[in-house]
Amino acid sequence: MQEKTPSILVITAIVIALGLLAYFLYQPIVNNLNLGLDLSGGLRVVLEAEEKEGQKVTPDTIQKAVGILRDRVDKLGVKETALYPQGQNRVVVEIAGEDDPEAAVDILKNTAELEFWDENNNVMVTGKHLKDAQARMTQTGEGAEVLIDFDKEGSRLFAKATSENVGKPIKIVIDGSIISAPTVQEPITDGTARITGNFTAKEAQDLAVLLRSGALPVSLKVIEKRSIGPVLGADSLSKSIKAGIIGLIAILIFMLGYYRLPGLVADISLVLYSLLVLGTMSLLGAVLTLPGIAGFALSIGMAVDANVIIYERLKEELRYGKTLHAAIDAGFKRALWTILDSNITTLISAMVLMYFGTGPVKGFAVTLSIGVVASMLVALTFTRYLLIQVGHVSKNKKLYGV
């Protein structure tokens, strides 16, 4: 009786704590989840390429523009964007879940062609020699600036330009607009330059991203801009949630009925697992798409599978006549490598999808990866601890499915 009482108190405290966590954290977590285009809709913009001097619009230049735009999207941290060419001279951009999607589009469509002019407006250095661009606060702490580094050829050209223009202004020009025109005090030979212009921290960061991504090979103008509804319909989300709840309840009932006390432990672990996955997605700002919901459902199946493997090993050890605590220890040890093997191979597949995939495919991979890691952590730590505590309460083998 002395052994049972502390264990019962521990189990009760864990259940109450999880219940309170689920009650208080569920709504904030759900509210902070970013929904993808297929679930929440967003903004759809069609950009049309305009020929620049000496640069014609071709399928190759459009593909290059799409690649640069996609790089900008990744660096700007836009939650989910679909980018694809349309016809011979157009690019379609679809943005979901942005607080200010139109501002994001304005940044994306900027050509970001960097040039340095002398006082007679002759081009001395261009952005094609740029190696890196980073935003930082000015030395006075008022406003921000962009520090740029040139490659070897750019450093040579910039050193030549500053040497020839000591005491004269050099104009820093982006997309034909003069940003600033500082006077050269002395030759700059280290291949660095500063772009100032009373920028805010965000403006400087956005400019640095555009410069690092490179200039677009063609100018883009907006010819269509409109809001779009959920690609798969708003009812898809409610149906998916309903199906997920029904499936989860069925799993909880099955585990409890088939494995009894260990099944109860599995049910409690699944609640913690679900909170971990959704909470991690919310903290990381991950986008939840319909394929992502499928990834979450798949990872729930893997979490249950881990418990099934452990409990079947436990039942085998009990049938061999081992004591309950010895059976629990042996069951986890025997199941460890099987669980690790299945989860690691799934994680490798998810990483490949995440690296090579785009849009919904990447959403599926992210959700699955988070779920797999959470599954291993919960199964091999929390489930083990809770099962040991349950073992102190009752050693009746019938309550363990034997």
Protein backbone atom coordinates (compact mmCIF):
# COMPACT_ATOMS: atom_id res chain seq x y z
CA MET A 1 0.00 0.00 0.00
CA GLN A 2 2.91 2.31 0.72
CA GLU A 3 4.19 1.73 -2.81
CA LYS A 4 0.80 2.24 -4.49
CA THR A 5 -0.11 5.57 -2.89
CA PRO A 6 2.82 7.65 -4.21
CA SER A 7 2.42 6.14 -7.70
CA ILE A 8 -1.31 6.85 -7.76
CA LEU A 9 -0.60 10.44 -6.75
CA VAL A 10 2.06 10.79 -9.48
CA ILE A 11 -0.27 9.40 -12.16
CA THR A 12 -3.14 11.59 -10.98
CA ALA A 13 -0.91 14.68 -11.01
CA ILE A 14 0.30 13.89 -14.55
CA VAL A 15 -3.25 13.39 -15.85
CA ILE A 16 -4.47 16.62 -14.22
CA ALA A 17 -1.46 18.57 -15.51
CA LEU A 18 -1.98 17.28 -19.06
CA GLY A 19 -5.67 18.07 -18.88
CA LEU A 20 -4.97 21.63 -17.77
CA LEU A 21 -2.32 22.04 -20.47
CA ALA A 22 -4.71 20.78 -23.13
CA TYR A 23 -7.47 23.06 -21.87
CA PHE A 24 -5.41 26.25 -21.65
CA LEU A 25 -3.04 25.73 -24.58
CA TYR A 26 -5.31 24.24 -27.25
CA GLN A 27 -7.00 27.49 -28.28
CA PRO A 28 -3.82 29.66 -28.35
CA ILE A 29 -2.00 26.95 -30.32
CA VAL A 30 -4.79 26.60 -32.89
CA ASN A 31 -5.14 30.39 -33.23
CA ASN A 32 -1.39 30.74 -33.93
CA LEU A 33 -1.27 28.05 -36.61
CA ASN A 34 -0.71 29.43 -40.11
CA LEU A 35 -3.07 27.90 -42.67
CA GLY A 36 -1.93 27.31 -46.24
CA LEU A 37 -3.49 28.44 -49.49
CA ASP A 38 -5.57 25.29 -49.75
CA LEU A 39 -7.23 25.97 -46.38
CA SER A 40 -7.28 29.75 -45.89
CA GLY A 41 -6.94 31.32 -49.34
CA GLY A 42 -4.84 34.44 -49.84
CA LEU A 43 -3.76 36.90 -52.51
CA ARG A 44 -3.20 36.04 -56.17
CA VAL A 45 -1.06 38.34 -58.31
CA VAL A 46 -0.17 37.98 -61.98
CA LEU A 47 3.09 39.69 -62.98
CA GLU A 48 3.90 40.39 -66.63
CA ALA A 49 7.49 40.70 -67.86
CA GLU A 50 8.57 43.80 -69.73
CA GLU A 51 11.58 43.76 -72.00
CA LYS A 52 14.58 45.72 -70.77
CA GLU A 53 17.16 47.34 -72.98
CA GLY A 54 19.28 44.57 -74.43
CA GLN A 55 17.24 41.86 -72.68
CA LYS A 56 14.36 40.07 -74.41
CA VAL A 57 11.66 38.10 -72.65
CA THR A 58 12.15 34.39 -73.31
CA PRO A 59 11.08 31.19 -71.52
CA ASP A 60 14.60 31.04 -70.06
CA THR A 61 14.43 34.53 -68.57
CA ILE A 62 10.99 33.77 -67.11
CA GLN A 63 12.32 30.58 -65.49
CA LYS A 64 15.27 32.52 -64.11
CA ALA A 65 12.90 35.17 -62.75
CA VAL A 66 10.81 32.48 -61.04
CA GLY A 67 13.96 31.04 -59.44
CA ILE A 68 15.04 34.46 -58.13
CA LEU A 69 11.52 35.20 -56.84
CA ARG A 70 11.42 31.84 -55.05
CA ASP A 71 14.78 32.61 -53.43
CA ARG A 72 13.42 35.96 -52.27
CA VAL A 73 10.33 34.30 -50.85
CA ASP A 74 12.44 31.87 -48.81
CA LYS A 75 14.70 34.64 -47.47
CA LEU A 76 11.82 37.01 -46.70
CA GLY A 77 10.16 34.31 -44.60
CA VAL A 78 6.80 34.51 -46.40
CA LYS A 79 4.77 31.67 -44.89
CA GLU A 80 3.52 29.95 -48.03
CA THR A 81 3.77 31.12 -51.61
CA ALA A 82 2.96 29.38 -54.87
CA LEU A 83 5.13 30.63 -57.75
CA TYR A 84 4.86 29.40 -61.32
CA PRO A 85 5.18 30.72 -64.90
CA GLN A 86 2.08 31.34 -66.98
CA GLY A 87 2.28 31.51 -70.74
CA GLN A 88 5.30 33.11 -72.40
CA ASN A 89 5.79 36.24 -70.31
CA ARG A 90 3.88 35.98 -67.03
CA VAL A 91 4.53 34.79 -63.47
CA VAL A 92 1.75 33.94 -61.02
CA VAL A 93 2.32 34.57 -57.29
CA GLU A 94 -0.12 33.26 -54.69
CA ILE A 95 0.51 34.23 -51.05
CA ALA A 96 -1.29 32.76 -48.04
CA GLY A 97 -1.50 33.90 -44.45
CA GLU A 98 0.44 37.18 -44.73
CA ASP A 99 -0.53 40.18 -42.58
CA ASP A 100 0.40 42.47 -45.47
CA PRO A 101 0.53 40.32 -48.64
CA GLU A 102 0.50 43.33 -50.97
CA ALA A 103 3.70 44.65 -49.38
CA ALA A 104 5.29 41.23 -49.93
CA VAL A 105 4.30 41.35 -53.60
CA ASP A 106 5.74 44.86 -53.98
CA ILE A 107 9.07 43.58 -52.64
CA LEU A 108 9.01 40.52 -54.91
CA LYS A 109 8.35 42.44 -58.12
CA ASN A 110 11.18 44.95 -57.58
CA THR A 111 13.91 44.34 -60.11
CA ALA A 112 16.60 45.20 -57.49
CA GLU A 113 19.19 46.26 -60.04
CA LEU A 114 22.04 47.84 -58.09
CA GLU A 115 24.38 50.34 -59.79
CA PHE A 116 27.01 52.87 -58.73
CA TRP A 117 27.13 56.05 -60.84
CA ASP A 118 29.66 58.84 -60.98
CA GLU A 119 28.54 62.49 -60.98
CA ASN A 120 28.01 62.30 -64.75
CA ASN A 121 25.67 59.28 -64.33
CA ASN A 122 28.14 56.82 -65.83
CA VAL A 123 27.80 53.27 -64.45
CA MET A 124 31.00 52.20 -62.68
CA VAL A 125 29.99 49.06 -60.77
CA THR A 126 26.84 46.90 -60.90
CA GLY A 127 25.16 44.42 -58.58
CA LYS A 128 26.34 41.43 -60.62
CA HIS A 129 29.65 41.70 -58.72
CA LEU A 130 27.87 41.59 -55.34
CA LYS A 131 28.98 38.79 -53.01
CA ASP A 132 26.87 39.52 -49.91
CA ALA A 133 24.54 42.11 -48.40
CA GLN A 134 23.62 42.40 -44.72
CA ALA A 135 21.37 44.85 -42.87
CA ARG A 136 22.58 46.46 -39.65
CA MET A 137 21.86 49.47 -37.46
CA THR A 138 23.90 52.60 -38.15
CA GLN A 139 26.75 53.53 -35.78
CA THR A 140 24.65 56.34 -34.34
CA GLY A 141 21.79 53.92 -33.68
CA GLU A 142 19.38 56.04 -35.70
CA GLY A 143 17.98 54.07 -38.61
CA ALA A 144 19.54 51.16 -40.46
CA GLU A 145 21.90 50.62 -43.38
CA VAL A 146 22.97 47.83 -45.72
CA LEU A 147 26.59 46.70 -45.74
CA ILE A 148 27.61 45.08 -49.04
CA ASP A 149 30.65 43.05 -50.05
CA PHE A 150 31.93 42.75 -53.63
CA ASP A 151 33.60 39.77 -55.24
CA LYS A 152 37.20 40.02 -56.48
CA GLU A 153 36.31 41.75 -59.75
CA GLY A 154 33.80 44.02 -58.03
CA SER A 155 36.39 44.99 -55.40
CA ARG A 156 38.81 45.99 -58.18
CA LEU A 157 36.17 48.05 -60.00
CA PHE A 158 34.96 49.73 -56.81
CA ALA A 159 38.52 50.57 -55.74
CA LYS A 160 39.13 52.11 -59.17
CA ALA A 161 35.85 54.07 -59.01
CA THR A 162 36.52 55.49 -55.54
CA SER A 163 40.14 56.32 -56.39
CA GLU A 164 39.03 58.35 -59.40
CA ASN A 165 36.27 60.16 -57.51
CA VAL A 166 37.89 61.28 -54.24
CA GLY A 167 36.08 64.44 -53.10
CA LYS A 168 33.20 63.71 -55.49
CA PRO A 169 29.85 61.98 -54.91
CA ILE A 170 29.14 58.42 -55.98
CA LYS A 171 25.46 57.76 -56.54
CA ILE A 172 24.02 54.50 -55.21
CA VAL A 173 21.14 53.62 -57.55
CA ILE A 174 18.57 50.83 -57.25
CA ASP A 175 16.13 50.28 -60.12
CA GLY A 176 16.98 53.72 -61.54
CA SER A 177 16.26 55.57 -58.27
CA ILE A 178 19.09 57.30 -56.44
CA ILE A 179 19.11 56.01 -52.86
CA SER A 180 22.02 58.10 -51.64
CA ALA A 181 25.04 59.97 -53.01
CA PRO A 182 27.84 59.97 -50.42
CA THR A 183 31.02 61.92 -51.11
CA VAL A 184 34.14 59.76 -51.41
CA GLN A 185 36.63 60.71 -48.67
CA GLU A 186 39.33 58.23 -49.67
CA PRO A 187 39.74 55.19 -51.94
CA ILE A 188 37.94 52.07 -50.70
CA THR A 189 40.04 49.03 -51.50
CA ASP A 190 38.61 46.37 -49.16
CA GLY A 191 35.62 45.61 -51.39
CA THR A 192 32.93 46.90 -48.99
CA ALA A 193 30.38 49.69 -49.23
CA ARG A 194 27.49 51.06 -47.20
CA ILE A 195 24.03 51.87 -48.52
CA THR A 196 22.28 54.45 -46.36
CA GLY A 197 18.99 56.22 -46.87
CA ASN A 198 17.10 56.66 -43.59
CA PHE A 199 15.97 53.03 -43.71
CA THR A 200 13.99 51.36 -40.97
CA ALA A 201 15.33 48.01 -39.78
CA LYS A 202 12.72 46.15 -41.88
CA GLU A 203 13.39 48.23 -45.01
CA ALA A 204 17.11 47.58 -44.70
CA GLN A 205 16.52 43.86 -44.17
CA ASP A 206 14.20 43.64 -47.20
CA LEU A 207 16.72 45.51 -49.35
CA ALA A 208 19.53 43.21 -48.24
CA VAL A 209 17.40 40.19 -49.17
CA LEU A 210 16.67 41.62 -52.63
CA LEU A 211 20.33 42.36 -53.28
CA ARG A 212 21.49 38.92 -52.10
CA SER A 213 18.91 37.25 -54.35
CA GLY A 214 20.19 39.13 -57.39
CA ALA A 215 18.48 41.38 -59.90
CA LEU A 216 15.60 40.08 -61.96
CA PRO A 217 16.50 39.57 -65.62
CA VAL A 218 13.31 41.38 -66.67
CA SER A 219 11.08 44.07 -65.21
CA LEU A 220 7.75 42.87 -63.84
CA LYS A 221 4.49 44.81 -63.63
CA VAL A 222 1.29 43.82 -61.87
CA ILE A 223 -1.56 43.17 -64.32
CA GLU A 224 -3.93 41.36 -61.97
CA LYS A 225 -4.35 41.31 -58.20
CA ARG A 226 -7.23 39.63 -56.39
CA SER A 227 -8.11 37.70 -53.27
CA ILE A 228 -8.63 33.96 -53.60
CA GLY A 229 -10.63 31.62 -51.40
CA PRO A 230 -9.40 28.30 -50.04
CA VAL A 231 -8.27 26.18 -52.98
CA LEU A 232 -9.96 23.07 -51.63
CA GLY A 233 -12.90 24.85 -50.06
CA ALA A 234 -13.49 25.89 -46.46
CA ASP A 235 -15.42 22.69 -45.79
CA SER A 236 -12.25 20.63 -46.40
CA LEU A 237 -10.73 21.90 -43.14
CA SER A 238 -13.81 21.16 -41.04
CA LYS A 239 -14.19 17.71 -42.61
CA SER A 240 -10.51 16.95 -42.00
CA ILE A 241 -10.74 18.05 -38.37
CA LYS A 242 -13.91 16.01 -37.88
CA ALA A 243 -12.31 12.93 -39.45
CA GLY A 244 -9.20 13.43 -37.30
CA ILE A 245 -11.23 13.67 -34.08
CA ILE A 246 -13.27 10.55 -34.93
CA GLY A 247 -10.12 8.62 -35.83
CA LEU A 248 -8.32 9.73 -32.65
CA ILE A 249 -11.27 8.72 -30.45
CA ALA A 250 -11.41 5.32 -32.16
CA ILE A 251 -7.67 4.82 -31.53
CA LEU A 252 -8.00 5.81 -27.86
CA ILE A 253 -10.90 3.37 -27.34
CA PHE A 254 -9.08 0.54 -29.14
CA MET A 255 -5.85 1.00 -27.17
CA LEU A 256 -7.72 1.12 -23.87
CA GLY A 257 -9.85 -1.94 -24.68
CA TYR A 258 -7.06 -4.11 -26.11
CA TYR A 259 -4.09 -3.22 -23.90
CA ARG A 260 -5.99 -2.11 -20.77
CA LEU A 261 -3.63 -0.34 -18.35
CA PRO A 262 -0.85 0.10 -20.92
CA GLY A 263 -3.56 1.31 -23.31
CA LEU A 264 -4.52 3.99 -20.79
CA VAL A 265 -0.85 5.03 -20.67
CA ALA A 266 -0.79 5.17 -24.49
CA ASP A 267 -3.90 7.37 -24.52
CA ILE A 268 -2.33 9.81 -22.07
CA SER A 269 0.89 9.80 -24.14
CA LEU A 270 -1.06 10.57 -27.33
CA VAL A 271 -2.56 13.67 -25.69
CA LEU A 272 0.94 14.89 -24.81
CA TYR A 273 2.17 13.96 -28.29
CA SER A 274 -0.59 15.97 -29.99
CA LEU A 275 0.17 19.02 -27.83
CA LEU A 276 3.89 18.73 -28.65
CA VAL A 277 3.35 18.53 -32.41
CA LEU A 278 0.79 21.34 -32.66
CA GLY A 279 2.72 23.50 -30.17
CA THR A 280 5.99 23.05 -32.09
CA MET A 281 4.30 23.95 -35.38
CA SER A 282 2.82 27.05 -33.77
CA LEU A 283 6.18 28.14 -32.30
CA LEU A 284 8.05 27.55 -35.56
CA GLY A 285 5.43 29.40 -37.59
CA ALA A 286 4.99 26.34 -39.81
CA VAL A 287 2.17 26.38 -42.36
CA LEU A 288 -0.60 23.82 -41.93
CA THR A 289 -1.92 22.57 -45.27
CA LEU A 290 -4.30 19.73 -46.06
CA PRO A 291 -1.32 17.46 -46.89
CA GLY A 292 0.13 18.66 -43.58
CA ILE A 293 -2.95 17.39 -41.79
CA ALA A 294 -2.38 14.06 -43.57
CA GLY A 295 1.22 14.12 -42.30
CA PHE A 296 -0.04 14.72 -38.76
CA ALA A 297 -2.48 11.82 -39.05
CA LEU A 298 0.30 9.58 -40.36
CA SER A 299 2.59 10.56 -37.49
CA ILE A 300 -0.21 9.73 -35.01
CA GLY A 301 -0.31 6.27 -36.56
CA MET A 302 3.45 5.96 -36.07
CA ALA A 303 3.13 7.10 -32.45
CA VAL A 304 0.51 4.42 -31.83
CA ASP A 305 2.66 1.89 -33.66
CA ALA A 306 5.56 2.60 -31.29
CA ASN A 307 3.29 1.89 -28.33
CA VAL A 308 2.00 -1.31 -29.94
CA ILE A 309 5.56 -2.59 -30.49
CA ILE A 310 6.49 -1.85 -26.86
CA TYR A 311 3.36 -3.44 -25.41
CA GLU A 312 3.60 -6.58 -27.52
CA ARG A 313 7.18 -7.04 -26.33
CA LEU A 314 5.97 -6.43 -22.77
CA LYS A 315 3.29 -9.12 -23.10
CA GLU A 316 5.85 -11.59 -24.45
CA GLU A 317 8.15 -11.00 -21.50
CA LEU A 318 5.25 -11.45 -19.06
CA ARG A 319 4.31 -14.75 -20.73
CA TYR A 320 7.91 -15.90 -20.22
CA GLY A 321 7.30 -15.53 -16.48
CA LYS A 322 9.25 -12.36 -15.81
CA THR A 323 8.16 -9.93 -13.12
CA LEU A 324 6.28 -6.84 -14.27
CA HIS A 325 9.17 -4.41 -13.81
CA ALA A 326 11.64 -6.77 -15.48
CA ALA A 327 9.16 -7.24 -18.36
CA ILE A 328 8.73 -3.45 -18.77
CA ASP A 329 12.50 -2.96 -18.86
CA ALA A 330 13.06 -5.81 -21.32
CA GLY A 331 10.09 -4.78 -23.47
CA PHE A 332 11.46 -1.26 -23.97
CA LYS A 333 14.98 -2.54 -24.68
CA ARG A 334 13.74 -5.03 -27.28
CA ALA A 335 11.48 -2.46 -28.93
CA LEU A 336 14.05 0.36 -28.96
CA TRP A 337 15.92 -0.47 -32.17
CA THR A 338 12.74 -1.37 -34.06
CA ILE A 339 11.21 2.00 -33.16
CA LEU A 340 14.39 3.91 -34.01
CA ASP A 341 14.78 2.10 -37.33
CA SER A 342 11.23 2.78 -38.53
CA ASN A 343 11.23 6.40 -37.36
CA ILE A 344 14.67 7.29 -38.70
CA THR A 345 13.90 5.88 -42.17
CA THR A 346 10.64 7.85 -42.21
CA LEU A 347 12.51 10.95 -41.07
CA ILE A 348 15.03 10.57 -43.91
CA SER A 349 12.18 10.33 -46.44
CA ALA A 350 10.55 13.42 -44.92
CA MET A 351 13.83 15.36 -45.12
CA VAL A 352 14.16 14.49 -48.82
CA LEU A 353 10.60 15.69 -49.46
CA MET A 354 11.28 18.86 -47.46
CA TYR A 355 14.45 19.64 -49.43
CA PHE A 356 13.19 18.91 -52.93
CA GLY A 357 9.47 19.55 -52.48
CA THR A 358 7.56 22.82 -52.69
CA GLY A 359 4.28 24.13 -51.31
CA PRO A 360 1.95 21.41 -49.97
CA VAL A 361 4.60 18.68 -50.34
CA LYS A 362 6.96 20.62 -48.09
CA GLY A 363 4.08 21.21 -45.63
CA PHE A 364 3.45 17.47 -45.46
CA ALA A 365 7.16 16.80 -44.88
CA VAL A 366 7.50 19.42 -42.12
CA THR A 367 4.48 18.12 -40.20
CA LEU A 368 5.59 14.51 -40.59
CA SER A 369 9.14 15.33 -39.40
CA ILE A 370 7.91 17.12 -36.29
CA GLY A 371 5.52 14.24 -35.60
CA VAL A 372 8.20 11.55 -35.95
CA VAL A 373 10.60 13.31 -33.56
CA ALA A 374 7.82 13.95 -31.02
CA SER A 375 6.70 10.32 -31.33
CA MET A 376 10.16 8.98 -30.43
CA LEU A 377 10.59 11.39 -27.53
CA VAL A 378 7.20 10.62 -26.00
CA ALA A 379 7.35 6.83 -26.53
CA LEU A 380 10.87 6.33 -25.16
CA THR A 381 10.69 8.74 -22.21
CA PHE A 382 7.24 9.76 -21.02
CA THR A 383 5.50 6.47 -21.87
CA ARG A 384 8.23 4.45 -20.15
CA TYR A 385 8.10 6.56 -16.98
CA LEU A 386 4.30 6.48 -16.78
CA LEU A 387 4.19 2.71 -17.40
CA ILE A 388 6.63 2.14 -14.52
CA GLN A 389 4.38 4.23 -12.26
CA VAL A 390 1.35 2.21 -13.35
CA GLY A 391 3.34 -0.96 -12.57
CA HIS A 392 3.64 0.16 -8.96
CA VAL A 393 -0.15 0.47 -8.72
CA SER A 394 -1.12 -2.99 -10.02
CA LYS A 395 0.84 -6.09 -10.97
CA ASN A 396 -2.20 -8.07 -12.15
CA LYS A 397 -1.13 -9.49 -15.55
CA LYS A 398 -4.72 -9.49 -16.81
CA LEU A 399 -4.67 -5.72 -16.64
CA TYR A 400 -1.70 -5.79 -19.04
CA GLY A 401 -3.46 -7.80 -21.74
CA VAL A 402 -2.03 -11.20 -20.72
